[in-house]
Amino acid sequence: MVKHSKWELETTLERYCKLAKYDLPDAPGIEAEMIRSFQRLYFGEDRNDVLTDKLYCISLMRHYGAPCRLLDFTYSKDIAIYFGIECAFDNAPNVIKDGETDKLDYESPGV
């Protein structure tokens, strides 16, 4: 079961679209433009992977802080606490401000 916190479970792309007052059906087009821009401007040693593997590209964009349709998950409470505390005072809308984390009870039947 997911423990409720201040935010619904949604992607950073959805959250940023809502904050910018864009309609959610526009999100795929916005994401596609971000992917094209990232692919055009990225020149790391893994550039070929960025150009040929969309999931890899989106994951790398997320690593650099871009909003995307991926959700971050971890089984480690230590990792969750680290990111909850690290961003406690940031203005980024993709983190929980008071250090709370959602807990996924993966041992419960029916989950």
Protein backbone atom coordinates (compact mmCIF):
# COMPACT_ATOMS: atom_id res chain seq x y z
CA MET A 1 0.00 0.00 0.00
CA VAL A 2 1.12 3.53 -0.70
CA LYS A 3 1.21 5.82 2.31
CA HIS A 4 -0.35 9.15 1.37
CA SER A 5 1.78 12.24 1.67
CA LYS A 6 1.19 15.77 0.44
CA TRP A 7 1.35 14.87 -3.25
CA GLU A 8 -0.37 12.38 -5.45
CA LEU A 9 1.83 9.83 -7.19
CA GLU A 10 2.58 11.55 -10.50
CA THR A 11 5.53 12.08 -12.78
CA THR A 12 7.60 15.25 -12.79
CA LEU A 13 6.38 15.89 -16.34
CA GLU A 14 2.76 15.85 -15.14
CA ARG A 15 3.61 18.05 -12.17
CA TYR A 16 5.47 20.63 -14.25
CA CYS A 17 2.68 20.70 -16.86
CA LYS A 18 0.15 21.42 -14.12
CA LEU A 19 2.37 24.14 -12.62
CA ALA A 20 2.84 25.77 -16.04
CA LYS A 21 -0.91 25.44 -16.77
CA TYR A 22 -0.38 23.18 -19.80
CA ASP A 23 -3.01 20.58 -20.63
CA LEU A 24 -1.83 17.04 -19.83
CA PRO A 25 -2.64 15.80 -23.37
CA ASP A 26 0.13 18.20 -24.51
CA ALA A 27 2.73 16.42 -22.32
CA PRO A 28 3.88 13.87 -24.96
CA GLY A 29 4.62 16.66 -27.43
CA ILE A 30 6.46 18.67 -24.78
CA GLU A 31 8.48 15.61 -23.84
CA ALA A 32 9.29 14.87 -27.49
CA GLU A 33 10.63 18.40 -27.93
CA MET A 34 12.74 18.09 -24.77
CA ILE A 35 14.15 14.78 -26.07
CA ARG A 36 15.01 16.32 -29.45
CA SER A 37 16.71 19.28 -27.76
CA PHE A 38 18.66 17.05 -25.39
CA GLN A 39 19.79 14.77 -28.21
CA ARG A 40 20.92 17.78 -30.25
CA LEU A 41 22.89 19.34 -27.39
CA TYR A 42 24.32 16.29 -25.58
CA PHE A 43 27.87 15.31 -26.55
CA GLY A 44 28.90 12.86 -23.82
CA GLU A 45 30.77 9.67 -24.60
CA ASP A 46 27.43 7.82 -24.54
CA ARG A 47 25.93 10.10 -27.22
CA ASN A 48 25.13 7.15 -29.51
CA ASP A 49 23.00 5.58 -26.75
CA VAL A 50 21.21 8.90 -26.23
CA LEU A 51 20.46 9.09 -29.96
CA THR A 52 19.31 5.48 -30.39
CA ASP A 53 17.69 4.47 -27.09
CA LYS A 54 14.76 6.65 -25.99
CA LEU A 55 14.53 5.14 -22.49
CA TYR A 56 18.25 5.69 -21.96
CA CYS A 57 17.87 9.27 -23.16
CA ILE A 58 14.90 9.97 -20.86
CA SER A 59 16.73 8.37 -17.92
CA LEU A 60 19.78 10.55 -18.51
CA MET A 61 17.61 13.63 -18.87
CA ARG A 62 16.00 12.74 -15.53
CA HIS A 63 19.45 12.32 -13.99
CA TYR A 64 20.20 15.91 -15.00
CA GLY A 65 16.89 17.13 -13.52
CA ALA A 66 14.62 17.33 -16.55
CA PRO A 67 10.95 16.58 -15.95
CA CYS A 68 9.93 13.27 -17.50
CA ARG A 69 7.34 10.51 -17.42
CA LEU A 70 9.50 8.21 -15.26
CA LEU A 71 8.90 7.71 -11.54
CA ASP A 72 11.82 7.28 -9.15
CA PHE A 73 11.60 4.19 -6.93
CA THR A 74 13.92 2.65 -4.40
CA TYR A 75 13.70 -0.24 -1.96
CA SER A 76 16.22 1.49 0.30
CA LYS A 77 14.81 3.68 3.05
CA ASP A 78 18.28 5.23 3.39
CA ILE A 79 18.24 6.41 -0.24
CA ALA A 80 14.70 7.75 0.17
CA ILE A 81 15.66 9.64 3.32
CA TYR A 82 18.79 11.02 1.65
CA PHE A 83 16.84 12.53 -1.25
CA GLY A 84 14.02 13.68 1.02
CA ILE A 85 16.43 15.58 3.24
CA GLU A 86 18.76 16.73 0.45
CA CYS A 87 15.96 18.62 -1.26
CA ALA A 88 14.02 19.67 1.84
CA PHE A 89 14.67 23.35 1.23
CA ASP A 90 14.77 23.38 -2.57
CA ASN A 91 12.08 25.01 -4.63
CA ALA A 92 11.95 22.03 -7.00
CA PRO A 93 8.37 20.73 -7.28
CA ASN A 94 9.47 17.12 -7.75
CA VAL A 95 10.46 16.45 -4.14
CA ILE A 96 8.62 16.22 -0.85
CA LYS A 97 9.50 19.33 1.13
CA ASP A 98 9.30 18.08 4.70
CA GLY A 99 11.46 15.00 4.24
CA GLU A 100 8.50 12.60 4.13
CA THR A 101 8.65 9.59 1.86
CA ASP A 102 5.99 7.31 0.45
CA LYS A 103 6.31 3.71 1.54
CA LEU A 104 5.50 0.85 -0.79
CA ASP A 105 4.58 -2.21 1.25
CA TYR A 106 5.80 -4.86 -1.19
CA GLU A 107 5.38 -7.71 1.34
CA SER A 108 1.60 -7.34 1.62
CA PRO A 109 -0.53 -9.75 -0.40
CA GLY A 110 -2.31 -8.25 -3.36
CA VAL A 111 0.24 -5.52 -3.98
